[in-house]
Amino acid sequence: VAPAIRAAFGEEFGYAPGTLVTGQLAT
């Protein structure tokens, strides 16, 4: 997973921009 993914991936699931989802992403 690239660095920038963890700061943007949550937007695809309704999270506010800038929400970090690093741990959920790994899961």
PDB file of all heavy atoms in Angstrom:
ATOM      1  N   VAL A   1       0.842  -1.198   0.000  1.00  0.00           N
ATOM      2  CA  VAL A   1       0.000   0.000   0.000  1.00  0.00           C
ATOM      3  C   VAL A   1       0.879   1.250   0.000  1.00  0.00           C
ATOM      4  O   VAL A   1       1.747   1.408   0.869  1.00  0.00           O
ATOM      5  CB  VAL A   1      -0.935   0.035   1.231  1.00  0.00           C
ATOM      6  CG1 VAL A   1      -1.852   1.246   1.161  1.00  0.00           C
ATOM      7  CG2 VAL A   1      -1.743  -1.250   1.314  1.00  0.00           C
ATOM      8  N   ALA A   2       0.645   2.146  -0.940  1.00  0.00           N
ATOM      9  CA  ALA A   2       1.410   3.389  -1.037  1.00  0.00           C
ATOM     10  C   ALA A   2       1.032   4.356   0.092  1.00  0.00           C
ATOM     11  O   ALA A   2      -0.075   4.288   0.637  1.00  0.00           O
ATOM     12  CB  ALA A   2       1.169   4.051  -2.388  1.00  0.00           C
ATOM     13  N   PRO A   3       1.936   5.284   0.426  1.00  0.00           N
ATOM     14  CA  PRO A   3       1.670   6.217   1.535  1.00  0.00           C
ATOM     15  C   PRO A   3       0.391   7.024   1.386  1.00  0.00           C
ATOM     16  O   PRO A   3      -0.348   7.207   2.355  1.00  0.00           O
ATOM     17  CB  PRO A   3       2.907   7.132   1.527  1.00  0.00           C
ATOM     18  CG  PRO A   3       3.977   6.333   0.861  1.00  0.00           C
ATOM     19  CD  PRO A   3       3.289   5.438  -0.122  1.00  0.00           C
ATOM     20  N   ALA A   4       0.115   7.522   0.182  1.00  0.00           N
ATOM     21  CA  ALA A   4      -1.015   8.438  -0.008  1.00  0.00           C
ATOM     22  C   ALA A   4      -2.367   7.760   0.128  1.00  0.00           C
ATOM     23  O   ALA A   4      -3.382   8.438   0.353  1.00  0.00           O
ATOM     24  CB  ALA A   4      -0.915   9.114  -1.378  1.00  0.00           C
ATOM     25  N   ILE A   5      -2.412   6.443   0.006  1.00  0.00           N
ATOM     26  CA  ILE A   5      -3.693   5.727   0.061  1.00  0.00           C
ATOM     27  C   ILE A   5      -4.369   5.914   1.417  1.00  0.00           C
ATOM     28  O   ILE A   5      -5.571   6.138   1.519  1.00  0.00           O
ATOM     29  CB  ILE A   5      -3.496   4.224  -0.211  1.00  0.00           C
ATOM     30  CG1 ILE A   5      -2.733   3.986  -1.518  1.00  0.00           C
ATOM     31  CG2 ILE A   5      -4.842   3.504  -0.232  1.00  0.00           C
ATOM     32  CD1 ILE A   5      -3.421   4.472  -2.745  1.00  0.00           C
ATOM     33  N   ARG A   6      -3.577   5.838   2.480  1.00  0.00           N
ATOM     34  CA  ARG A   6      -4.146   5.846   3.843  1.00  0.00           C
ATOM     35  C   ARG A   6      -4.822   7.168   4.183  1.00  0.00           C
ATOM     36  O   ARG A   6      -5.647   7.224   5.096  1.00  0.00           O
ATOM     37  CB  ARG A   6      -3.061   5.500   4.856  1.00  0.00           C
ATOM     38  CG  ARG A   6      -1.888   6.447   4.901  1.00  0.00           C
ATOM     39  CD  ARG A   6      -0.610   5.735   5.333  1.00  0.00           C
ATOM     40  NE  ARG A   6      -0.143   4.859   4.264  1.00  0.00           N
ATOM     41  CZ  ARG A   6       0.682   3.833   4.436  1.00  0.00           C
ATOM     42  NH1 ARG A   6       1.124   3.547   5.647  1.00  0.00           N
ATOM     43  NH2 ARG A   6       1.049   3.096   3.417  1.00  0.00           N
ATOM     44  N   ALA A   7      -4.513   8.225   3.456  1.00  0.00           N
ATOM     45  CA  ALA A   7      -5.115   9.538   3.723  1.00  0.00           C
ATOM     46  C   ALA A   7      -6.303   9.837   2.823  1.00  0.00           C
ATOM     47  O   ALA A   7      -6.931  10.884   2.969  1.00  0.00           O
ATOM     48  CB  ALA A   7      -4.067  10.632   3.565  1.00  0.00           C
ATOM     49  N   ALA A   8      -6.627   8.917   1.897  1.00  0.00           N
ATOM     50  CA  ALA A   8      -7.700   9.201   0.936  1.00  0.00           C
ATOM     51  C   ALA A   8      -8.706   8.065   0.801  1.00  0.00           C
ATOM     52  O   ALA A   8      -9.850   8.294   0.411  1.00  0.00           O
ATOM     53  CB  ALA A   8      -7.096   9.508  -0.444  1.00  0.00           C
ATOM     54  N   PHE A   9      -8.300   6.830   1.120  1.00  0.00           N
ATOM     55  CA  PHE A   9      -9.159   5.676   0.864  1.00  0.00           C
ATOM     56  C   PHE A   9     -10.503   5.782   1.563  1.00  0.00           C
ATOM     57  O   PHE A   9     -11.536   5.372   1.022  1.00  0.00           O
ATOM     58  CB  PHE A   9      -8.435   4.396   1.291  1.00  0.00           C
ATOM     59  CG  PHE A   9      -9.128   3.137   0.872  1.00  0.00           C
ATOM     60  CD1 PHE A   9      -9.160   2.750  -0.451  1.00  0.00           C
ATOM     61  CD2 PHE A   9      -9.764   2.323   1.816  1.00  0.00           C
ATOM     62  CE1 PHE A   9      -9.805   1.576  -0.840  1.00  0.00           C
ATOM     63  CE2 PHE A   9     -10.400   1.158   1.445  1.00  0.00           C
ATOM     64  CZ  PHE A   9     -10.418   0.778   0.104  1.00  0.00           C
ATOM     65  N   GLY A  10     -10.524   6.340   2.752  1.00  0.00           N
ATOM     66  CA  GLY A  10     -11.771   6.453   3.496  1.00  0.00           C
ATOM     67  C   GLY A  10     -12.843   7.251   2.786  1.00  0.00           C
ATOM     68  O   GLY A  10     -14.045   7.040   3.020  1.00  0.00           O
ATOM     69  N   GLU A  11     -12.433   8.165   1.903  1.00  0.00           N
ATOM     70  CA  GLU A  11     -13.411   8.978   1.173  1.00  0.00           C
ATOM     71  C   GLU A  11     -14.359   8.120   0.341  1.00  0.00           C
ATOM     72  O   GLU A  11     -15.510   8.491   0.097  1.00  0.00           O
ATOM     73  CB  GLU A  11     -12.687   9.979   0.271  1.00  0.00           C
ATOM     74  CG  GLU A  11     -11.886  11.029   1.037  1.00  0.00           C
ATOM     75  CD  GLU A  11     -10.963  11.830   0.139  1.00  0.00           C
ATOM     76  OE1 GLU A  11     -11.343  12.121  -1.013  1.00  0.00           O
ATOM     77  OE2 GLU A  11      -9.841  12.158   0.577  1.00  0.00           O
ATOM     78  N   GLU A  12     -13.867   6.959  -0.115  1.00  0.00           N
ATOM     79  CA  GLU A  12     -14.704   6.057  -0.909  1.00  0.00           C
ATOM     80  C   GLU A  12     -15.788   5.391  -0.070  1.00  0.00           C
ATOM     81  O   GLU A  12     -16.707   4.769  -0.595  1.00  0.00           O
ATOM     82  CB  GLU A  12     -13.831   4.986  -1.568  1.00  0.00           C
ATOM     83  CG  GLU A  12     -12.880   5.516  -2.648  1.00  0.00           C
ATOM     84  CD  GLU A  12     -13.607   5.827  -3.948  1.00  0.00           C
ATOM     85  OE1 GLU A  12     -14.789   5.422  -4.086  1.00  0.00           O
ATOM     86  OE2 GLU A  12     -12.997   6.471  -4.825  1.00  0.00           O
ATOM     87  N   PHE A  13     -15.689   5.542   1.258  1.00  0.00           N
ATOM     88  CA  PHE A  13     -16.655   4.909   2.157  1.00  0.00           C
ATOM     89  C   PHE A  13     -17.353   5.924   3.062  1.00  0.00           C
ATOM     90  O   PHE A  13     -17.884   5.571   4.115  1.00  0.00           O
ATOM     91  CB  PHE A  13     -15.953   3.839   2.997  1.00  0.00           C
ATOM     92  CG  PHE A  13     -15.429   2.705   2.168  1.00  0.00           C
ATOM     93  CD1 PHE A  13     -14.153   2.787   1.614  1.00  0.00           C
ATOM     94  CD2 PHE A  13     -16.201   1.605   1.890  1.00  0.00           C
ATOM     95  CE1 PHE A  13     -13.654   1.760   0.819  1.00  0.00           C
ATOM     96  CE2 PHE A  13     -15.718   0.573   1.097  1.00  0.00           C
ATOM     97  CZ  PHE A  13     -14.444   0.653   0.555  1.00  0.00           C
ATOM     98  N   GLY A  14     -17.325   7.188   2.636  1.00  0.00           N
ATOM     99  CA  GLY A  14     -18.066   8.209   3.355  1.00  0.00           C
ATOM    100  C   GLY A  14     -17.311   8.942   4.432  1.00  0.00           C
ATOM    101  O   GLY A  14     -17.862   9.830   5.087  1.00  0.00           O
ATOM    102  N   TYR A  15     -16.054   8.594   4.652  1.00  0.00           N
ATOM    103  CA  TYR A  15     -15.264   9.328   5.635  1.00  0.00           C
ATOM    104  C   TYR A  15     -14.920  10.714   5.096  1.00  0.00           C
ATOM    105  O   TYR A  15     -14.812  10.925   3.880  1.00  0.00           O
ATOM    106  CB  TYR A  15     -13.957   8.592   5.934  1.00  0.00           C
ATOM    107  CG  TYR A  15     -14.102   7.382   6.828  1.00  0.00           C
ATOM    108  CD1 TYR A  15     -14.249   6.111   6.289  1.00  0.00           C
ATOM    109  CD2 TYR A  15     -14.074   7.508   8.212  1.00  0.00           C
ATOM    110  CE1 TYR A  15     -14.363   4.993   7.095  1.00  0.00           C
ATOM    111  CE2 TYR A  15     -14.179   6.395   9.035  1.00  0.00           C
ATOM    112  CZ  TYR A  15     -14.335   5.137   8.469  1.00  0.00           C
ATOM    113  OH  TYR A  15     -14.451   4.039   9.266  1.00  0.00           O
ATOM    114  N   ALA A  16     -14.716  11.653   6.009  1.00  0.00           N
ATOM    115  CA  ALA A  16     -14.328  13.001   5.617  1.00  0.00           C
ATOM    116  C   ALA A  16     -12.931  12.977   5.007  1.00  0.00           C
ATOM    117  O   ALA A  16     -12.070  12.192   5.435  1.00  0.00           O
ATOM    118  CB  ALA A  16     -14.349  13.929   6.829  1.00  0.00           C
ATOM    119  N   PRO A  17     -12.674  13.808   4.004  1.00  0.00           N
ATOM    120  CA  PRO A  17     -11.317  13.885   3.443  1.00  0.00           C
ATOM    121  C   PRO A  17     -10.294  14.158   4.545  1.00  0.00           C
ATOM    122  O   PRO A  17     -10.539  14.947   5.453  1.00  0.00           O
ATOM    123  CB  PRO A  17     -11.414  15.059   2.470  1.00  0.00           C
ATOM    124  CG  PRO A  17     -12.847  15.102   2.062  1.00  0.00           C
ATOM    125  CD  PRO A  17     -13.604  14.702   3.292  1.00  0.00           C
ATOM    126  N   GLY A  18      -9.157  13.475   4.444  1.00  0.00           N
ATOM    127  CA  GLY A  18      -8.120  13.651   5.458  1.00  0.00           C
ATOM    128  C   GLY A  18      -8.232  12.710   6.631  1.00  0.00           C
ATOM    129  O   GLY A  18      -7.456  12.796   7.584  1.00  0.00           O
ATOM    130  N   THR A  19      -9.177  11.764   6.574  1.00  0.00           N
ATOM    131  CA  THR A  19      -9.301  10.767   7.632  1.00  0.00           C
ATOM    132  C   THR A  19      -8.304   9.641   7.382  1.00  0.00           C
ATOM    133  O   THR A  19      -8.295   9.034   6.305  1.00  0.00           O
ATOM    134  CB  THR A  19     -10.721  10.181   7.686  1.00  0.00           C
ATOM    135  OG1 THR A  19     -11.663  11.243   7.892  1.00  0.00           O
ATOM    136  CG2 THR A  19     -10.846   9.166   8.812  1.00  0.00           C
ATOM    137  N   LEU A  20      -7.477   9.344   8.352  1.00  0.00           N
ATOM    138  CA  LEU A  20      -6.507   8.256   8.224  1.00  0.00           C
ATOM    139  C   LEU A  20      -7.185   6.915   8.510  1.00  0.00           C
ATOM    140  O   LEU A  20      -7.854   6.761   9.533  1.00  0.00           O
ATOM    141  CB  LEU A  20      -5.339   8.473   9.183  1.00  0.00           C
ATOM    142  CG  LEU A  20      -4.393   9.621   8.821  1.00  0.00           C
ATOM    143  CD1 LEU A  20      -3.512   9.994  10.013  1.00  0.00           C
ATOM    144  CD2 LEU A  20      -3.532   9.240   7.617  1.00  0.00           C
ATOM    145  N   VAL A  21      -6.999   5.957   7.617  1.00  0.00           N
ATOM    146  CA  VAL A  21      -7.630   4.643   7.782  1.00  0.00           C
ATOM    147  C   VAL A  21      -6.584   3.533   7.621  1.00  0.00           C
ATOM    148  O   VAL A  21      -6.883   2.456   7.112  1.00  0.00           O
ATOM    149  CB  VAL A  21      -8.784   4.452   6.775  1.00  0.00           C
ATOM    150  CG1 VAL A  21      -9.937   5.405   7.079  1.00  0.00           C
ATOM    151  CG2 VAL A  21      -8.299   4.651   5.336  1.00  0.00           C
ATOM    152  N   THR A  22      -5.366   3.790   8.072  1.00  0.00           N
ATOM    153  CA  THR A  22      -4.253   2.870   7.848  1.00  0.00           C
ATOM    154  C   THR A  22      -4.548   1.477   8.367  1.00  0.00           C
ATOM    155  O   THR A  22      -4.385   0.473   7.645  1.00  0.00           O
ATOM    156  CB  THR A  22      -2.977   3.418   8.526  1.00  0.00           C
ATOM    157  OG1 THR A  22      -2.814   4.798   8.193  1.00  0.00           O
ATOM    158  CG2 THR A  22      -1.761   2.643   8.067  1.00  0.00           C
ATOM    159  N   GLY A  23      -4.979   1.369   9.624  1.00  0.00           N
ATOM    160  CA  GLY A  23      -5.213   0.066  10.225  1.00  0.00           C
ATOM    161  C   GLY A  23      -6.372  -0.679   9.596  1.00  0.00           C
ATOM    162  O   GLY A  23      -6.306  -1.901   9.380  1.00  0.00           O
ATOM    163  N   GLN A  24      -7.449   0.016   9.316  1.00  0.00           N
ATOM    164  CA  GLN A  24      -8.593  -0.616   8.662  1.00  0.00           C
ATOM    165  C   GLN A  24      -8.228  -1.112   7.270  1.00  0.00           C
ATOM    166  O   GLN A  24      -8.714  -2.151   6.811  1.00  0.00           O
ATOM    167  CB  GLN A  24      -9.743   0.387   8.555  1.00  0.00           C
ATOM    168  CG  GLN A  24     -10.398   0.760   9.872  1.00  0.00           C
ATOM    169  CD  GLN A  24     -11.254   2.001   9.731  1.00  0.00           C
ATOM    170  OE1 GLN A  24     -10.757   3.113   9.848  1.00  0.00           O
ATOM    171  NE2 GLN A  24     -12.528   1.816   9.479  1.00  0.00           N
ATOM    172  N   LEU A  25      -7.379  -0.368   6.597  1.00  0.00           N
ATOM    173  CA  LEU A  25      -6.941  -0.740   5.253  1.00  0.00           C
ATOM    174  C   LEU A  25      -6.190  -2.072   5.274  1.00  0.00           C
ATOM    175  O   LEU A  25      -6.435  -2.959   4.445  1.00  0.00           O
ATOM    176  CB  LEU A  25      -6.052   0.375   4.693  1.00  0.00           C
ATOM    177  CG  LEU A  25      -5.617   0.321   3.235  1.00  0.00           C
ATOM    178  CD1 LEU A  25      -6.801   0.178   2.304  1.00  0.00           C
ATOM    179  CD2 LEU A  25      -4.827   1.580   2.894  1.00  0.00           C
ATOM    180  N   ALA A  26      -5.285  -2.219   6.240  1.00  0.00           N
ATOM    181  CA  ALA A  26      -4.547  -3.473   6.357  1.00  0.00           C
ATOM    182  C   ALA A  26      -5.499  -4.640   6.628  1.00  0.00           C
ATOM    183  O   ALA A  26      -5.358  -5.734   6.042  1.00  0.00           O
ATOM    184  CB  ALA A  26      -3.507  -3.364   7.472  1.00  0.00           C
ATOM    185  N   THR A  27      -6.493  -4.414   7.467  1.00  0.00           N
ATOM    186  CA  THR A  27      -7.467  -5.459   7.777  1.00  0.00           C
ATOM    187  C   THR A  27      -8.296  -5.820   6.550  1.00  0.00           C
ATOM    188  O   THR A  27      -8.537  -7.008   6.275  1.00  0.00           O
ATOM    189  CB  THR A  27      -8.394  -4.998   8.914  1.00  0.00           C
ATOM    190  OG1 THR A  27      -7.604  -4.651  10.051  1.00  0.00           O
ATOM    191  CG2 THR A  27      -9.392  -6.080   9.288  1.00  0.00           C
TER     192      THR A  27
END
